[in-house]
Amino acid sequence: MPVKLSWKLLPLALGGMAGGLVALLVVVYVLTAWWSKPLFGFGAGGPDQPIDFPHTVHVEQAGIQCEFCHRNVTDGAAATVPAVEQCLFCHKTVNGMPAQGEEHPEIVKLLAHGGLGADGMADPELTPEPIDWERVHRVPDHVQFFHEPHIRYFTQTEEGRVETLRRAGSYNLPMSSPPEPGELVEASCAICHGKVRAMDKVKQERRLKMGDCVDCHRDNDAPTDCVTCHY
């Protein structure tokens, strides 16, 4: 004979389905927080920037060190990007009119942000304004990350820490001689950011998720208490 279901069971069934859905969402959230890359905002090649800034030219070819532009990275929480005035420190000389007489469009854009024409001279028709760079690397709002203690830890030249940087593999530290301070800083940055010196367009290479952070802290005998990063 057919089984009759009581209407009294309907709220229980709906409640169970809702509870199961909530539990599934929590599991997906935790797994995403631990392992996966961000779902949105990071394309495979990195975001387009208002001005192309090839690190291949500035770092690999010109030999500019990370902390020359990202000056707060060894002293504060955020690495910071340079102000237009800092870029113009070089580009008033390396301007948009090279010897062959062809304007370099990206340098011309930079000069315009500083109120300068392609020749590096003040242009009254241009208004100085900051560059609205697109952010590439981001951690959730409930995570506190300070660059300074991480850079300070890895740039102390005890052999074990230098070997940790060598094992990270993103930056090839010299084997025959002690690394220079700038090399140690770049190798430290490369642990999370990858080999930026070889990127024409900066992209996110590491997940920068909880699993990465916890594994690194364990490998380097750093605290793994929740309040270390979440407060």
Protein backbone atom coordinates (compact mmCIF):
# COMPACT_ATOMS: atom_id res chain seq x y z
CA MET A 1 0.00 0.00 0.00
CA PRO A 2 1.24 3.53 -0.72
CA VAL A 3 3.18 5.30 2.00
CA LYS A 4 1.64 8.56 3.14
CA LEU A 5 4.04 11.33 4.11
CA SER A 6 3.01 13.71 6.81
CA TRP A 7 3.13 17.43 6.03
CA LYS A 8 4.81 17.76 9.40
CA LEU A 9 7.94 16.23 7.87
CA LEU A 10 8.21 18.88 5.15
CA PRO A 11 9.86 21.53 7.37
CA LEU A 12 12.33 18.91 8.55
CA ALA A 13 13.15 17.92 4.98
CA LEU A 14 13.57 21.53 3.86
CA GLY A 15 15.67 22.28 6.94
CA GLY A 16 17.88 19.30 6.21
CA MET A 17 18.36 20.39 2.60
CA ALA A 18 19.19 23.94 3.70
CA GLY A 19 21.62 22.67 6.31
CA GLY A 20 23.29 20.43 3.77
CA LEU A 21 23.65 23.31 1.33
CA VAL A 22 25.18 25.53 4.01
CA ALA A 23 27.60 22.76 4.98
CA LEU A 24 28.59 22.30 1.33
CA LEU A 25 29.22 26.03 0.94
CA VAL A 26 31.37 26.04 4.08
CA VAL A 27 33.43 23.11 2.79
CA VAL A 28 33.92 24.79 -0.60
CA TYR A 29 34.92 28.04 1.12
CA VAL A 30 37.48 26.30 3.35
CA LEU A 31 38.97 24.32 0.47
CA THR A 32 39.17 27.47 -1.64
CA ALA A 33 40.81 29.39 1.19
CA TRP A 34 43.35 26.62 1.74
CA TRP A 35 44.32 25.51 -1.75
CA SER A 36 42.87 27.25 -4.76
CA LYS A 37 43.82 30.44 -6.55
CA PRO A 38 41.36 33.36 -6.36
CA LEU A 39 38.33 32.67 -8.52
CA PHE A 40 38.14 36.17 -9.94
CA GLY A 41 40.49 39.03 -10.72
CA PHE A 42 43.62 37.18 -11.77
CA GLY A 43 43.96 36.22 -15.42
CA ALA A 44 46.61 33.76 -16.52
CA GLY A 45 48.76 36.55 -17.92
CA GLY A 46 48.14 39.14 -15.23
CA PRO A 47 45.99 42.27 -15.49
CA ASP A 48 46.62 44.99 -18.05
CA GLN A 49 48.18 48.08 -16.50
CA PRO A 50 47.61 51.74 -17.43
CA ILE A 51 51.31 51.88 -18.35
CA ASP A 52 53.30 48.83 -19.39
CA PHE A 53 56.10 48.21 -16.91
CA PRO A 54 58.34 45.35 -18.11
CA HIS A 55 60.42 44.06 -15.22
CA THR A 56 62.56 42.34 -17.84
CA VAL A 57 63.87 45.78 -18.85
CA HIS A 58 64.10 47.40 -15.43
CA VAL A 59 65.38 44.45 -13.38
CA GLU A 60 67.07 41.98 -15.73
CA GLN A 61 68.60 44.51 -18.12
CA ALA A 62 69.02 47.65 -16.00
CA GLY A 63 69.78 45.78 -12.76
CA ILE A 64 67.37 47.80 -10.60
CA GLN A 65 66.77 46.06 -7.26
CA CYS A 66 63.30 45.41 -5.84
CA GLU A 67 63.67 47.76 -2.89
CA PHE A 68 64.73 50.69 -5.09
CA CYS A 69 61.15 51.02 -6.31
CA HIS A 70 59.26 49.14 -3.58
CA ARG A 71 60.92 51.15 -0.84
CA ASN A 72 58.64 50.18 2.03
CA VAL A 73 59.13 46.44 1.61
CA THR A 74 62.03 46.27 4.10
CA ASP A 75 60.43 48.63 6.63
CA GLY A 76 56.66 48.23 6.68
CA ALA A 77 53.57 46.14 6.07
CA ALA A 78 53.01 46.86 2.38
CA ALA A 79 55.66 46.79 -0.33
CA THR A 80 54.08 49.90 -1.94
CA VAL A 81 54.46 51.02 -5.54
CA PRO A 82 56.58 54.05 -6.39
CA ALA A 83 55.08 57.49 -6.79
CA VAL A 84 55.18 59.12 -10.21
CA GLU A 85 57.93 61.42 -8.95
CA GLN A 86 60.15 58.43 -8.24
CA CYS A 87 59.66 57.09 -11.77
CA LEU A 88 60.43 60.54 -13.16
CA PHE A 89 63.70 60.58 -11.23
CA CYS A 90 64.98 58.35 -14.02
CA HIS A 91 62.61 59.14 -16.85
CA LYS A 92 63.17 62.86 -16.99
CA THR A 93 66.48 61.77 -18.52
CA VAL A 94 65.34 58.51 -20.12
CA ASN A 95 62.48 60.37 -21.76
CA GLY A 96 60.05 59.67 -24.58
CA MET A 97 62.31 60.96 -27.35
CA PRO A 98 65.21 58.54 -27.92
CA ALA A 99 68.07 59.32 -30.27
CA GLN A 100 66.33 57.75 -33.26
CA GLY A 101 63.55 60.31 -32.93
CA GLU A 102 60.70 57.86 -32.31
CA GLU A 103 58.52 58.42 -29.30
CA HIS A 104 58.25 55.57 -26.80
CA PRO A 105 54.48 55.52 -26.11
CA GLU A 106 54.65 54.04 -22.59
CA ILE A 107 57.27 56.53 -21.42
CA VAL A 108 55.22 59.35 -22.96
CA LYS A 109 52.24 58.15 -20.84
CA LEU A 110 54.41 58.22 -17.72
CA LEU A 111 55.72 61.69 -18.44
CA ALA A 112 52.15 62.91 -18.98
CA HIS A 113 51.23 61.69 -15.47
CA GLY A 114 53.99 63.97 -14.21
CA GLY A 115 52.76 66.92 -16.26
CA LEU A 116 55.65 66.58 -18.71
CA GLY A 117 55.76 66.37 -22.48
CA ALA A 118 57.58 63.69 -24.48
CA ASP A 119 60.80 65.73 -24.24
CA GLY A 120 60.72 65.64 -20.43
CA MET A 121 59.87 69.33 -20.14
CA ALA A 122 56.87 70.76 -18.28
CA ASP A 123 53.75 70.99 -20.44
CA PRO A 124 51.15 73.53 -19.18
CA GLU A 125 48.39 71.58 -20.91
CA LEU A 126 49.05 68.46 -18.81
CA THR A 127 47.89 68.03 -15.21
CA PRO A 128 50.03 65.81 -12.95
CA GLU A 129 48.09 62.84 -11.57
CA PRO A 130 48.93 59.52 -9.90
CA ILE A 131 48.99 56.27 -11.85
CA ASP A 132 46.04 53.99 -11.07
CA TRP A 133 47.90 50.66 -11.13
CA GLU A 134 45.87 47.45 -11.20
CA ARG A 135 46.57 45.32 -8.15
CA VAL A 136 48.01 41.88 -8.92
CA HIS A 137 48.57 40.15 -5.57
CA ARG A 138 45.91 40.25 -2.88
CA VAL A 139 45.17 38.42 0.36
CA PRO A 140 41.73 38.38 2.00
CA ASP A 141 40.76 41.26 4.27
CA HIS A 142 40.82 39.01 7.33
CA VAL A 143 44.51 38.18 6.76
CA GLN A 144 47.26 40.44 8.08
CA PHE A 145 50.55 40.18 6.19
CA PHE A 146 53.58 42.33 6.94
CA HIS A 147 56.44 42.30 4.44
CA GLU A 148 59.11 43.64 6.80
CA PRO A 149 59.50 40.66 9.19
CA HIS A 150 59.51 38.19 6.31
CA ILE A 151 62.16 40.11 4.38
CA ARG A 152 64.20 40.62 7.56
CA TYR A 153 64.09 36.90 8.37
CA PHE A 154 65.21 35.72 4.95
CA THR A 155 67.84 38.40 4.37
CA GLN A 156 69.79 37.45 7.46
CA THR A 157 72.62 35.48 5.92
CA GLU A 158 72.80 32.45 8.19
CA GLU A 159 73.55 29.56 5.88
CA GLY A 160 70.30 27.75 6.65
CA ARG A 161 68.19 30.66 5.52
CA VAL A 162 70.24 31.17 2.38
CA GLU A 163 69.73 27.49 1.60
CA THR A 164 65.98 27.93 2.12
CA LEU A 165 66.02 30.67 -0.51
CA ARG A 166 68.05 28.49 -2.87
CA ARG A 167 65.57 25.63 -2.48
CA ALA A 168 62.69 27.98 -3.28
CA GLY A 169 64.15 28.05 -6.78
CA SER A 170 62.49 31.15 -8.20
CA TYR A 171 65.70 33.17 -8.01
CA ASN A 172 69.13 31.64 -8.60
CA LEU A 173 71.41 32.77 -5.79
CA PRO A 174 75.15 32.47 -6.51
CA MET A 175 76.70 29.30 -5.13
CA SER A 176 80.35 30.38 -5.09
CA SER A 177 80.12 33.56 -3.01
CA PRO A 178 77.89 35.07 -0.31
CA PRO A 179 74.83 36.73 -1.88
CA GLU A 180 74.60 40.51 -1.98
CA PRO A 181 71.86 42.14 0.15
CA GLY A 182 69.85 43.06 -2.95
CA GLU A 183 70.02 39.47 -4.17
CA LEU A 184 68.71 38.20 -0.85
CA VAL A 185 65.80 40.65 -0.96
CA GLU A 186 64.88 39.61 -4.50
CA ALA A 187 65.15 35.92 -3.61
CA SER A 188 62.88 36.54 -0.61
CA CYS A 189 60.31 38.29 -2.79
CA ALA A 190 60.47 35.45 -5.32
CA ILE A 191 59.25 32.90 -2.76
CA CYS A 192 55.73 34.34 -3.02
CA HIS A 193 55.85 36.44 -6.19
CA GLY A 194 57.86 34.19 -8.50
CA LYS A 195 60.61 35.33 -10.85
CA VAL A 196 59.22 38.81 -11.45
CA ARG A 197 62.46 39.91 -13.11
CA ALA A 198 61.51 37.70 -16.09
CA MET A 199 57.93 39.02 -16.41
CA ASP A 200 56.95 41.54 -19.05
CA LYS A 201 53.57 41.71 -17.30
CA VAL A 202 53.39 40.86 -13.61
CA LYS A 203 51.10 37.94 -12.79
CA GLN A 204 50.25 35.90 -9.73
CA GLU A 205 52.19 32.62 -9.73
CA ARG A 206 51.60 31.30 -6.21
CA ARG A 207 48.18 30.65 -4.68
CA LEU A 208 48.97 32.85 -1.65
CA LYS A 209 46.45 30.80 0.28
CA MET A 210 46.48 29.46 3.81
CA GLY A 211 48.18 26.22 2.79
CA ASP A 212 51.15 28.11 1.34
CA CYS A 213 51.53 30.26 4.43
CA VAL A 214 51.19 27.42 6.94
CA ASP A 215 53.65 25.19 5.04
CA CYS A 216 56.22 27.99 4.87
CA HIS A 217 55.82 28.80 8.57
CA ARG A 218 56.26 25.14 9.49
CA ASP A 219 59.34 24.79 7.29
CA ASN A 220 60.94 27.81 8.96
CA ASP A 221 59.83 27.14 12.56
CA ALA A 222 57.54 30.17 12.54
CA PRO A 223 54.35 30.30 14.63
CA THR A 224 51.22 28.77 13.13
CA ASP A 225 48.71 30.04 15.69
CA CYS A 226 45.56 31.53 14.15
CA VAL A 227 46.25 34.93 15.71
CA THR A 228 49.58 35.14 13.88
CA CYS A 229 47.75 36.16 10.70
CA HIS A 230 44.10 36.60 11.74
CA TYR A 231 43.49 39.42 14.20
